[in-house]
Structure formats: C-alpha cells, structure tokens
Amino acid sequence: MEKFKRLKNEGNDFVKMGDYEEAANKYSECMKLNTEECTVYTNRALCYLKLYKYEEAKRDCDHVLQIEDSNIKAFYRRALAYKGLQVRKRNMAGI
C-alpha cells in the first residue's frame, strides 16, 4: 500500500508539472497494485484527455462507473472524452 501511495503522489506531481505522459505511466503502475482505486483511473483519464487520447480516457471513466456509478469526475471526464471523439470524427470526415 505504501508503494501505491508513493506512485500516486508521483503521478500527481507530474500532473502539476504538465508531464501528462509520465503521470499516466505512474497511475498505470498504481493500477497494477490496486484495480479498485477509482481516483487513479480518473486521474489517468485526465492525463489521456490532455494527451488527446479520448478513447483511453473514456475507457478509464467507464471502468470507474462500473465500480462507482455516481462518480462525478468520471461522468465529467467521460463527457469530455466523447466530445473529443466527436470533434475528431468530424475532422476526419472533412479530410
């Protein structure tokens, strides 16, 4: 559990620095230790949104909502992921 907290805090620090790729990696390491901790999924979803990885962000939010069906952050970030996917879809249609 101590390693989980350390990795999560490191991920949070990378988010504060704007290094979303490295933060996502730290949160992924956390998930190997505990798949039920929703905050690391919503945190990683935030990183994926910043990296324009909308499908991955949506998947993380879907996972959280399977565990906590009223998680506001997961709903909000999933909505942002859907919005990003729609914009991408429209842009691809114009190419």
PDB file of N, CA and C in Angstrom:
ATOM      1  N   MET A   1       0.820  -1.191   0.000  1.00  0.00           N
ATOM      2  CA  MET A   1       0.000   0.000   0.000  1.00  0.00           C
ATOM      3  C   MET A   1       0.869   1.263   0.000  1.00  0.00           C
ATOM      4  N   GLU A   2       2.012   1.191   0.657  1.00  0.00           N
ATOM      5  CA  GLU A   2       2.915   2.342   0.693  1.00  0.00           C
ATOM      6  C   GLU A   2       3.437   2.673  -0.704  1.00  0.00           C
ATOM      7  N   LYS A   3       3.766   1.632  -1.483  1.00  0.00           N
ATOM      8  CA  LYS A   3       4.251   1.847  -2.845  1.00  0.00           C
ATOM      9  C   LYS A   3       3.153   2.485  -3.699  1.00  0.00           C
ATOM     10  N   PHE A   4       1.916   2.049  -3.506  1.00  0.00           N
ATOM     11  CA  PHE A   4       0.784   2.611  -4.233  1.00  0.00           C
ATOM     12  C   PHE A   4       0.687   4.116  -3.983  1.00  0.00           C
ATOM     13  N   LYS A   5       0.743   4.516  -2.714  1.00  0.00           N
ATOM     14  CA  LYS A   5       0.648   5.939  -2.361  1.00  0.00           C
ATOM     15  C   LYS A   5       1.791   6.737  -2.971  1.00  0.00           C
ATOM     16  N   ARG A   6       2.983   6.166  -2.924  1.00  0.00           N
ATOM     17  CA  ARG A   6       4.156   6.856  -3.475  1.00  0.00           C
ATOM     18  C   ARG A   6       3.978   7.085  -4.977  1.00  0.00           C
ATOM     19  N   LEU A   7       3.555   6.028  -5.692  1.00  0.00           N
ATOM     20  CA  LEU A   7       3.363   6.140  -7.137  1.00  0.00           C
ATOM     21  C   LEU A   7       2.264   7.140  -7.476  1.00  0.00           C
ATOM     22  N   LYS A   8       1.175   7.106  -6.704  1.00  0.00           N
ATOM     23  CA  LYS A   8       0.069   8.034  -6.941  1.00  0.00           C
ATOM     24  C   LYS A   8       0.531   9.472  -6.732  1.00  0.00           C
ATOM     25  N   ASN A   9       1.280   9.714  -5.661  1.00  0.00           N
ATOM     26  CA  ASN A   9       1.801  11.060  -5.396  1.00  0.00           C
ATOM     27  C   ASN A   9       2.765  11.514  -6.483  1.00  0.00           C
ATOM     28  N   GLU A  10       3.585  10.590  -6.981  1.00  0.00           N
ATOM     29  CA  GLU A  10       4.492  10.926  -8.079  1.00  0.00           C
ATOM     30  C   GLU A  10       3.685  11.295  -9.322  1.00  0.00           C
ATOM     31  N   GLY A  11       2.625  10.536  -9.582  1.00  0.00           N
ATOM     32  CA  GLY A  11       1.745  10.859 -10.707  1.00  0.00           C
ATOM     33  C   GLY A  11       1.136  12.234 -10.546  1.00  0.00           C
ATOM     34  N   ASN A  12       0.663  12.536  -9.346  1.00  0.00           N
ATOM     35  CA  ASN A  12       0.084  13.857  -9.073  1.00  0.00           C
ATOM     36  C   ASN A  12       1.105  14.966  -9.302  1.00  0.00           C
ATOM     37  N   ASP A  13       2.338  14.723  -8.902  1.00  0.00           N
ATOM     38  CA  ASP A  13       3.394  15.725  -9.101  1.00  0.00           C
ATOM     39  C   ASP A  13       3.655  15.949 -10.590  1.00  0.00           C
ATOM     40  N   PHE A  14       3.652  14.870 -11.378  1.00  0.00           N
ATOM     41  CA  PHE A  14       3.858  15.015 -12.822  1.00  0.00           C
ATOM     42  C   PHE A  14       2.709  15.792 -13.463  1.00  0.00           C
ATOM     43  N   VAL A  15       1.487  15.580 -12.976  1.00  0.00           N
ATOM     44  CA  VAL A  15       0.349  16.346 -13.490  1.00  0.00           C
ATOM     45  C   VAL A  15       0.568  17.833 -13.217  1.00  0.00           C
ATOM     46  N   LYS A  16       0.985  18.158 -12.010  1.00  0.00           N
ATOM     47  CA  LYS A  16       1.220  19.562 -11.645  1.00  0.00           C
ATOM     48  C   LYS A  16       2.283  20.203 -12.534  1.00  0.00           C
ATOM     49  N   MET A  17       3.251  19.393 -12.985  1.00  0.00           N
ATOM     50  CA  MET A  17       4.312  19.903 -13.861  1.00  0.00           C
ATOM     51  C   MET A  17       3.890  19.909 -15.333  1.00  0.00           C
ATOM     52  N   GLY A  18       2.726  19.307 -15.617  1.00  0.00           N
ATOM     53  CA  GLY A  18       2.264  19.255 -17.001  1.00  0.00           C
ATOM     54  C   GLY A  18       2.829  18.101 -17.801  1.00  0.00           C
ATOM     55  N   ASP A  19       3.476  17.156 -17.134  1.00  0.00           N
ATOM     56  CA  ASP A  19       4.035  15.974 -17.817  1.00  0.00           C
ATOM     57  C   ASP A  19       2.997  14.853 -17.740  1.00  0.00           C
ATOM     58  N   TYR A  20       2.001  14.923 -18.611  1.00  0.00           N
ATOM     59  CA  TYR A  20       0.860  14.016 -18.547  1.00  0.00           C
ATOM     60  C   TYR A  20       1.208  12.587 -18.967  1.00  0.00           C
ATOM     61  N   GLU A  21       2.165  12.442 -19.844  1.00  0.00           N
ATOM     62  CA  GLU A  21       2.586  11.100 -20.268  1.00  0.00           C
ATOM     63  C   GLU A  21       3.190  10.345 -19.088  1.00  0.00           C
ATOM     64  N   GLU A  22       4.098  11.002 -18.390  1.00  0.00           N
ATOM     65  CA  GLU A  22       4.753  10.368 -17.237  1.00  0.00           C
ATOM     66  C   GLU A  22       3.754  10.138 -16.099  1.00  0.00           C
ATOM     67  N   ALA A  23       2.845  11.075 -15.910  1.00  0.00           N
ATOM     68  CA  ALA A  23       1.815  10.915 -14.881  1.00  0.00           C
ATOM     69  C   ALA A  23       0.952   9.690 -15.196  1.00  0.00           C
ATOM     70  N   ALA A  24       0.547   9.555 -16.443  1.00  0.00           N
ATOM     71  CA  ALA A  24      -0.271   8.399 -16.849  1.00  0.00           C
ATOM     72  C   ALA A  24       0.474   7.101 -16.578  1.00  0.00           C
ATOM     73  N   ASN A  25       1.771   7.094 -16.812  1.00  0.00           N
ATOM     74  CA  ASN A  25       2.576   5.892 -16.541  1.00  0.00           C
ATOM     75  C   ASN A  25       2.562   5.556 -15.049  1.00  0.00           C
ATOM     76  N   LYS A  26       2.677   6.569 -14.200  1.00  0.00           N
ATOM     77  CA  LYS A  26       2.655   6.326 -12.748  1.00  0.00           C
ATOM     78  C   LYS A  26       1.300   5.779 -12.313  1.00  0.00           C
ATOM     79  N   TYR A  27       0.224   6.359 -12.845  1.00  0.00           N
ATOM     80  CA  TYR A  27      -1.107   5.865 -12.493  1.00  0.00           C
ATOM     81  C   TYR A  27      -1.309   4.435 -12.989  1.00  0.00           C
ATOM     82  N   SER A  28      -0.746   4.119 -14.144  1.00  0.00           N
ATOM     83  CA  SER A  28      -0.840   2.748 -14.660  1.00  0.00           C
ATOM     84  C   SER A  28      -0.131   1.771 -13.727  1.00  0.00           C
ATOM     85  N   GLU A  29       1.008   2.188 -13.190  1.00  0.00           N
ATOM     86  CA  GLU A  29       1.724   1.349 -12.222  1.00  0.00           C
ATOM     87  C   GLU A  29       0.874   1.144 -10.969  1.00  0.00           C
ATOM     88  N   CYS A  30       0.177   2.194 -10.545  1.00  0.00           N
ATOM     89  CA  CYS A  30      -0.719   2.080  -9.382  1.00  0.00           C
ATOM     90  C   CYS A  30      -1.783   1.010  -9.623  1.00  0.00           C
ATOM     91  N   MET A  31      -2.304   0.987 -10.828  1.00  0.00           N
ATOM     92  CA  MET A  31      -3.386   0.055 -11.158  1.00  0.00           C
ATOM     93  C   MET A  31      -2.947  -1.399 -11.070  1.00  0.00           C
ATOM     94  N   LYS A  32      -1.671  -1.637 -11.283  1.00  0.00           N
ATOM     95  CA  LYS A  32      -1.157  -2.997 -11.143  1.00  0.00           C
ATOM     96  C   LYS A  32      -1.223  -3.452  -9.684  1.00  0.00           C
ATOM     97  N   LEU A  33      -1.185  -2.486  -8.770  1.00  0.00           N
ATOM     98  CA  LEU A  33      -1.218  -2.789  -7.341  1.00  0.00           C
ATOM     99  C   LEU A  33      -2.637  -2.806  -6.778  1.00  0.00           C
ATOM    100  N   ASN A  34      -3.529  -2.006  -7.373  1.00  0.00           N
ATOM    101  CA  ASN A  34      -4.906  -1.925  -6.871  1.00  0.00           C
ATOM    102  C   ASN A  34      -5.827  -1.501  -8.016  1.00  0.00           C
ATOM    103  N   THR A  35      -6.634  -2.431  -8.516  1.00  0.00           N
ATOM    104  CA  THR A  35      -7.521  -2.140  -9.644  1.00  0.00           C
ATOM    105  C   THR A  35      -8.840  -1.514  -9.213  1.00  0.00           C
ATOM    106  N   GLU A  36      -9.084  -1.423  -7.919  1.00  0.00           N
ATOM    107  CA  GLU A  36     -10.358  -0.911  -7.418  1.00  0.00           C
ATOM    108  C   GLU A  36     -10.301   0.556  -6.985  1.00  0.00           C
ATOM    109  N   GLU A  37      -9.133   1.153  -6.968  1.00  0.00           N
ATOM    110  CA  GLU A  37      -8.986   2.547  -6.542  1.00  0.00           C
ATOM    111  C   GLU A  37      -9.366   3.473  -7.698  1.00  0.00           C
ATOM    112  N   CYS A  38     -10.517   4.083  -7.594  1.00  0.00           N
ATOM    113  CA  CYS A  38     -11.080   4.865  -8.698  1.00  0.00           C
ATOM    114  C   CYS A  38     -10.303   6.130  -9.011  1.00  0.00           C
ATOM    115  N   THR A  39      -9.681   6.745  -8.004  1.00  0.00           N
ATOM    116  CA  THR A  39      -9.021   8.027  -8.259  1.00  0.00           C
ATOM    117  C   THR A  39      -7.882   7.908  -9.262  1.00  0.00           C
ATOM    118  N   VAL A  40      -7.174   6.786  -9.267  1.00  0.00           N
ATOM    119  CA  VAL A  40      -6.084   6.673 -10.239  1.00  0.00           C
ATOM    120  C   VAL A  40      -6.632   6.554 -11.664  1.00  0.00           C
ATOM    121  N   TYR A  41      -7.820   5.970 -11.810  1.00  0.00           N
ATOM    122  CA  TYR A  41      -8.443   5.882 -13.134  1.00  0.00           C
ATOM    123  C   TYR A  41      -8.917   7.253 -13.605  1.00  0.00           C
ATOM    124  N   THR A  42      -9.550   8.018 -12.719  1.00  0.00           N
ATOM    125  CA  THR A  42      -9.999   9.348 -13.127  1.00  0.00           C
ATOM    126  C   THR A  42      -8.809  10.280 -13.353  1.00  0.00           C
ATOM    127  N   ASN A  43      -7.753  10.093 -12.574  1.00  0.00           N
ATOM    128  CA  ASN A  43      -6.539  10.889 -12.780  1.00  0.00           C
ATOM    129  C   ASN A  43      -5.892  10.550 -14.117  1.00  0.00           C
ATOM    130  N   ARG A  44      -5.824   9.245 -14.426  1.00  0.00           N
ATOM    131  CA  ARG A  44      -5.236   8.853 -15.705  1.00  0.00           C
ATOM    132  C   ARG A  44      -6.113   9.323 -16.861  1.00  0.00           C
ATOM    133  N   ALA A  45      -7.432   9.303 -16.658  1.00  0.00           N
ATOM    134  CA  ALA A  45      -8.340   9.804 -17.692  1.00  0.00           C
ATOM    135  C   ALA A  45      -8.043  11.279 -17.985  1.00  0.00           C
ATOM    136  N   LEU A  46      -7.775  12.055 -16.925  1.00  0.00           N
ATOM    137  CA  LEU A  46      -7.410  13.459 -17.124  1.00  0.00           C
ATOM    138  C   LEU A  46      -6.153  13.566 -17.995  1.00  0.00           C
ATOM    139  N   CYS A  47      -5.171  12.748 -17.691  1.00  0.00           N
ATOM    140  CA  CYS A  47      -3.929  12.758 -18.474  1.00  0.00           C
ATOM    141  C   CYS A  47      -4.219  12.406 -19.935  1.00  0.00           C
ATOM    142  N   TYR A  48      -5.021  11.379 -20.146  1.00  0.00           N
ATOM    143  CA  TYR A  48      -5.356  10.985 -21.513  1.00  0.00           C
ATOM    144  C   TYR A  48      -6.085  12.096 -22.253  1.00  0.00           C
ATOM    145  N   LEU A  49      -6.962  12.813 -21.567  1.00  0.00           N
ATOM    146  CA  LEU A  49      -7.651  13.939 -22.204  1.00  0.00           C
ATOM    147  C   LEU A  49      -6.643  15.003 -22.633  1.00  0.00           C
ATOM    148  N   LYS A  50      -5.696  15.300 -21.763  1.00  0.00           N
ATOM    149  CA  LYS A  50      -4.667  16.302 -22.088  1.00  0.00           C
ATOM    150  C   LYS A  50      -3.786  15.850 -23.253  1.00  0.00           C
ATOM    151  N   LEU A  51      -3.673  14.523 -23.420  1.00  0.00           N
ATOM    152  CA  LEU A  51      -2.848  13.958 -24.490  1.00  0.00           C
ATOM    153  C   LEU A  51      -3.672  13.636 -25.745  1.00  0.00           C
ATOM    154  N   TYR A  52      -4.947  14.034 -25.742  1.00  0.00           N
ATOM    155  CA  TYR A  52      -5.873  13.788 -26.852  1.00  0.00           C
ATOM    156  C   TYR A  52      -6.100  12.295 -27.114  1.00  0.00           C
ATOM    157  N   LYS A  53      -5.990  11.499 -26.072  1.00  0.00           N
ATOM    158  CA  LYS A  53      -6.248  10.056 -26.157  1.00  0.00           C
ATOM    159  C   LYS A  53      -7.652   9.807 -25.600  1.00  0.00           C
ATOM    160  N   TYR A  54      -8.632  10.198 -26.403  1.00  0.00           N
ATOM    161  CA  TYR A  54     -10.015  10.213 -25.926  1.00  0.00           C
ATOM    162  C   TYR A  54     -10.589   8.821 -25.677  1.00  0.00           C
ATOM    163  N   GLU A  55     -10.259   7.886 -26.518  1.00  0.00           N
ATOM    164  CA  GLU A  55     -10.781   6.528 -26.338  1.00  0.00           C
ATOM    165  C   GLU A  55     -10.276   5.929 -25.026  1.00  0.00           C
ATOM    166  N   GLU A  56      -8.994   6.148 -24.730  1.00  0.00           N
ATOM    167  CA  GLU A  56      -8.415   5.640 -23.496  1.00  0.00           C
ATOM    168  C   GLU A  56      -9.051   6.318 -22.275  1.00  0.00           C
ATOM    169  N   ALA A  57      -9.286   7.624 -22.388  1.00  0.00           N
ATOM    170  CA  ALA A  57      -9.923   8.354 -21.289  1.00  0.00           C
ATOM    171  C   ALA A  57     -11.333   7.817 -21.045  1.00  0.00           C
ATOM    172  N   LYS A  58     -12.074   7.602 -22.111  1.00  0.00           N
ATOM    173  CA  LYS A  58     -13.428   7.056 -21.996  1.00  0.00           C
ATOM    174  C   LYS A  58     -13.399   5.683 -21.334  1.00  0.00           C
ATOM    175  N   ARG A  59     -12.457   4.855 -21.713  1.00  0.00           N
ATOM    176  CA  ARG A  59     -12.348   3.504 -21.146  1.00  0.00           C
ATOM    177  C   ARG A  59     -12.082   3.559 -19.639  1.00  0.00           C
ATOM    178  N   ASP A  60     -11.184   4.454 -19.213  1.00  0.00           N
ATOM    179  CA  ASP A  60     -10.915   4.588 -17.777  1.00  0.00           C
ATOM    180  C   ASP A  60     -12.162   5.057 -17.028  1.00  0.00           C
ATOM    181  N   CYS A  61     -12.875   6.005 -17.598  1.00  0.00           N
ATOM    182  CA  CYS A  61     -14.100   6.502 -16.943  1.00  0.00           C
ATOM    183  C   CYS A  61     -15.173   5.425 -16.884  1.00  0.00           C
ATOM    184  N   ASP A  62     -15.294   4.647 -17.953  1.00  0.00           N
ATOM    185  CA  ASP A  62     -16.256   3.538 -17.955  1.00  0.00           C
ATOM    186  C   ASP A  62     -15.938   2.562 -16.829  1.00  0.00           C
ATOM    187  N   HIS A  63     -14.658   2.281 -16.636  1.00  0.00           N
ATOM    188  CA  HIS A  63     -14.234   1.364 -15.567  1.00  0.00           C
ATOM    189  C   HIS A  63     -14.656   1.905 -14.196  1.00  0.00           C
ATOM    190  N   VAL A  64     -14.414   3.176 -13.983  1.00  0.00           N
ATOM    191  CA  VAL A  64     -14.784   3.792 -12.697  1.00  0.00           C
ATOM    192  C   VAL A  64     -16.284   3.696 -12.476  1.00  0.00           C
ATOM    193  N   LEU A  65     -17.058   3.978 -13.515  1.00  0.00           N
ATOM    194  CA  LEU A  65     -18.510   3.986 -13.369  1.00  0.00           C
ATOM    195  C   LEU A  65     -19.078   2.581 -13.148  1.00  0.00           C
ATOM    196  N   GLN A  66     -18.310   1.560 -13.496  1.00  0.00           N
ATOM    197  CA  GLN A  66     -18.714   0.190 -13.164  1.00  0.00           C
ATOM    198  C   GLN A  66     -18.590  -0.045 -11.657  1.00  0.00           C
ATOM    199  N   ILE A  67     -17.636   0.624 -11.033  1.00  0.00           N
ATOM    200  CA  ILE A  67     -17.383   0.469  -9.597  1.00  0.00           C
ATOM    201  C   ILE A  67     -18.213   1.463  -8.786  1.00  0.00           C
ATOM    202  N   GLU A  68     -18.184   2.722  -9.212  1.00  0.00           N
ATOM    203  CA  GLU A  68     -18.915   3.804  -8.533  1.00  0.00           C
ATOM    204  C   GLU A  68     -19.826   4.474  -9.565  1.00  0.00           C
ATOM    205  N   ASP A  69     -21.084   4.088  -9.581  1.00  0.00           N
ATOM    206  CA  ASP A  69     -21.971   4.561 -10.642  1.00  0.00           C
ATOM    207  C   ASP A  69     -22.405   6.019 -10.508  1.00  0.00           C
ATOM    208  N   SER A  70     -21.915   6.721  -9.494  1.00  0.00           N
ATOM    209  CA  SER A  70     -22.255   8.140  -9.344  1.00  0.00           C
ATOM    210  C   SER A  70     -21.002   9.017  -9.217  1.00  0.00           C
ATOM    211  N   ASN A  71     -19.890   8.545  -9.731  1.00  0.00           N
ATOM    212  CA  ASN A  71     -18.633   9.287  -9.643  1.00  0.00           C
ATOM    213  C   ASN A  71     -18.687  10.480 -10.617  1.00  0.00           C
ATOM    214  N   ILE A  72     -18.771  11.672 -10.066  1.00  0.00           N
ATOM    215  CA  ILE A  72     -18.942  12.884 -10.859  1.00  0.00           C
ATOM    216  C   ILE A  72     -17.755  13.139 -11.792  1.00  0.00           C
ATOM    217  N   LYS A  73     -16.549  12.944 -11.286  1.00  0.00           N
ATOM    218  CA  LYS A  73     -15.368  13.164 -12.125  1.00  0.00           C
ATOM    219  C   LYS A  73     -15.372  12.228 -13.322  1.00  0.00           C
ATOM    220  N   ALA A  74     -15.756  10.989 -13.104  1.00  0.00           N
ATOM    221  CA  ALA A  74     -15.789  10.024 -14.198  1.00  0.00           C
ATOM    222  C   ALA A  74     -16.830  10.434 -15.242  1.00  0.00           C
ATOM    223  N   PHE A  75     -17.998  10.869 -14.791  1.00  0.00           N
ATOM    224  CA  PHE A  75     -19.031  11.333 -15.732  1.00  0.00           C
ATOM    225  C   PHE A  75     -18.533  12.537 -16.533  1.00  0.00           C
ATOM    226  N   TYR A  76     -17.945  13.492 -15.835  1.00  0.00           N
ATOM    227  CA  TYR A  76     -17.480  14.714 -16.488  1.00  0.00           C
ATOM    228  C   TYR A  76     -16.372  14.415 -17.494  1.00  0.00           C
ATOM    229  N   ARG A  77     -15.396  13.634 -17.068  1.00  0.00           N
ATOM    230  CA  ARG A  77     -14.262  13.346 -17.961  1.00  0.00           C
ATOM    231  C   ARG A  77     -14.681  12.450 -19.115  1.00  0.00           C
ATOM    232  N   ARG A  78     -15.647  11.577 -18.887  1.00  0.00           N
ATOM    233  CA  ARG A  78     -16.156  10.758 -19.995  1.00  0.00           C
ATOM    234  C   ARG A  78     -16.875  11.654 -21.003  1.00  0.00           C
ATOM    235  N   ALA A  79     -17.610  12.643 -20.515  1.00  0.00           N
ATOM    236  CA  ALA A  79     -18.275  13.580 -21.426  1.00  0.00           C
ATOM    237  C   ALA A  79     -17.243  14.340 -22.264  1.00  0.00           C
ATOM    238  N   LEU A  80     -16.146  14.753 -21.632  1.00  0.00           N
ATOM    239  CA  LEU A  80     -15.080  15.426 -22.380  1.00  0.00           C
ATOM    240  C   LEU A  80     -14.454  14.488 -23.415  1.00  0.00           C
ATOM    241  N   ALA A  81     -14.315  13.226 -23.051  1.00  0.00           N
ATOM    242  CA  ALA A  81     -13.770  12.248 -23.997  1.00  0.00           C
ATOM    243  C   ALA A  81     -14.713  12.069 -25.179  1.00  0.00           C
ATOM    244  N   TYR A  82     -16.015  11.955 -24.914  1.00  0.00           N
ATOM    245  CA  TYR A  82     -16.992  11.850 -26.003  1.00  0.00           C
ATOM    246  C   TYR A  82     -16.929  13.080 -26.902  1.00  0.00           C
ATOM    247  N   LYS A  83     -16.814  14.247 -26.299  1.00  0.00           N
ATOM    248  CA  LYS A  83     -16.728  15.478 -27.073  1.00  0.00           C
ATOM    249  C   LYS A  83     -15.485  15.451 -27.969  1.00  0.00           C
ATOM    250  N   GLY A  84     -14.357  15.058 -27.407  1.00  0.00           N
ATOM    251  CA  GLY A  84     -13.122  14.957 -28.187  1.00  0.00           C
ATOM    252  C   GLY A  84     -13.238  13.958 -29.317  1.00  0.00           C
ATOM    253  N   LEU A  85     -13.897  12.839 -29.061  1.00  0.00           N
ATOM    254  CA  LEU A  85     -14.084  11.828 -30.106  1.00  0.00           C
ATOM    255  C   LEU A  85     -14.980  12.364 -31.217  1.00  0.00           C
ATOM    256  N   GLN A  86     -16.010  13.129 -30.877  1.00  0.00           N
ATOM    257  CA  GLN A  86     -16.900  13.701 -31.886  1.00  0.00           C
ATOM    258  C   GLN A  86     -16.169  14.731 -32.748  1.00  0.00           C
ATOM    259  N   VAL A  87     -15.363  15.566 -32.129  1.00  0.00           N
ATOM    260  CA  VAL A  87     -14.592  16.557 -32.880  1.00  0.00           C
ATOM    261  C   VAL A  87     -13.641  15.850 -33.839  1.00  0.00           C
ATOM    262  N   ARG A  88     -12.970  14.815 -33.338  1.00  0.00           N
ATOM    263  CA  ARG A  88     -12.045  14.062 -34.183  1.00  0.00           C
ATOM    264  C   ARG A  88     -12.789  13.411 -35.346  1.00  0.00           C
ATOM    265  N   LYS A  89     -13.954  12.863 -35.067  1.00  0.00           N
ATOM    266  CA  LYS A  89     -14.748  12.211 -36.107  1.00  0.00           C
ATOM    267  C   LYS A  89     -15.149  13.217 -37.194  1.00  0.00           C
ATOM    268  N   ARG A  90     -15.579  14.406 -36.770  1.00  0.00           N
ATOM    269  CA  ARG A  90     -15.956  15.446 -37.740  1.00  0.00           C
ATOM    270  C   ARG A  90     -14.747  15.889 -38.551  1.00  0.00           C
ATOM    271  N   ASN A  91     -13.616  16.048 -37.908  1.00  0.00           N
ATOM    272  CA  ASN A  91     -12.409  16.470 -38.617  1.00  0.00           C
ATOM    273  C   ASN A  91     -11.966  15.417 -39.630  1.00  0.00           C
ATOM    274  N   MET A  92     -12.089  14.162 -39.254  1.00  0.00           N
ATOM    275  CA  MET A  92     -11.704  13.077 -40.174  1.00  0.00           C
ATOM    276  C   MET A  92     -12.647  13.022 -41.374  1.00  0.00           C
ATOM    277  N   ALA A  93     -13.916  13.340 -41.156  1.00  0.00           N
ATOM    278  CA  ALA A  93     -14.885  13.330 -42.250  1.00  0.00           C
ATOM    279  C   ALA A  93     -14.560  14.398 -43.276  1.00  0.00           C
ATOM    280  N   GLY A  94     -13.935  15.478 -42.840  1.00  0.00           N
ATOM    281  CA  GLY A  94     -13.583  16.564 -43.743  1.00  0.00           C
ATOM    282  C   GLY A  94     -12.301  16.337 -44.523  1.00  0.00           C
ATOM    283  N   ILE A  95     -11.574  15.288 -44.176  1.00  0.00           N
ATOM    284  CA  ILE A  95     -10.279  15.017 -44.852  1.00  0.00           C
ATOM    285  C   ILE A  95     -10.501  14.205 -46.099  1.00  0.00           C
TER     286      ILE A  95
END
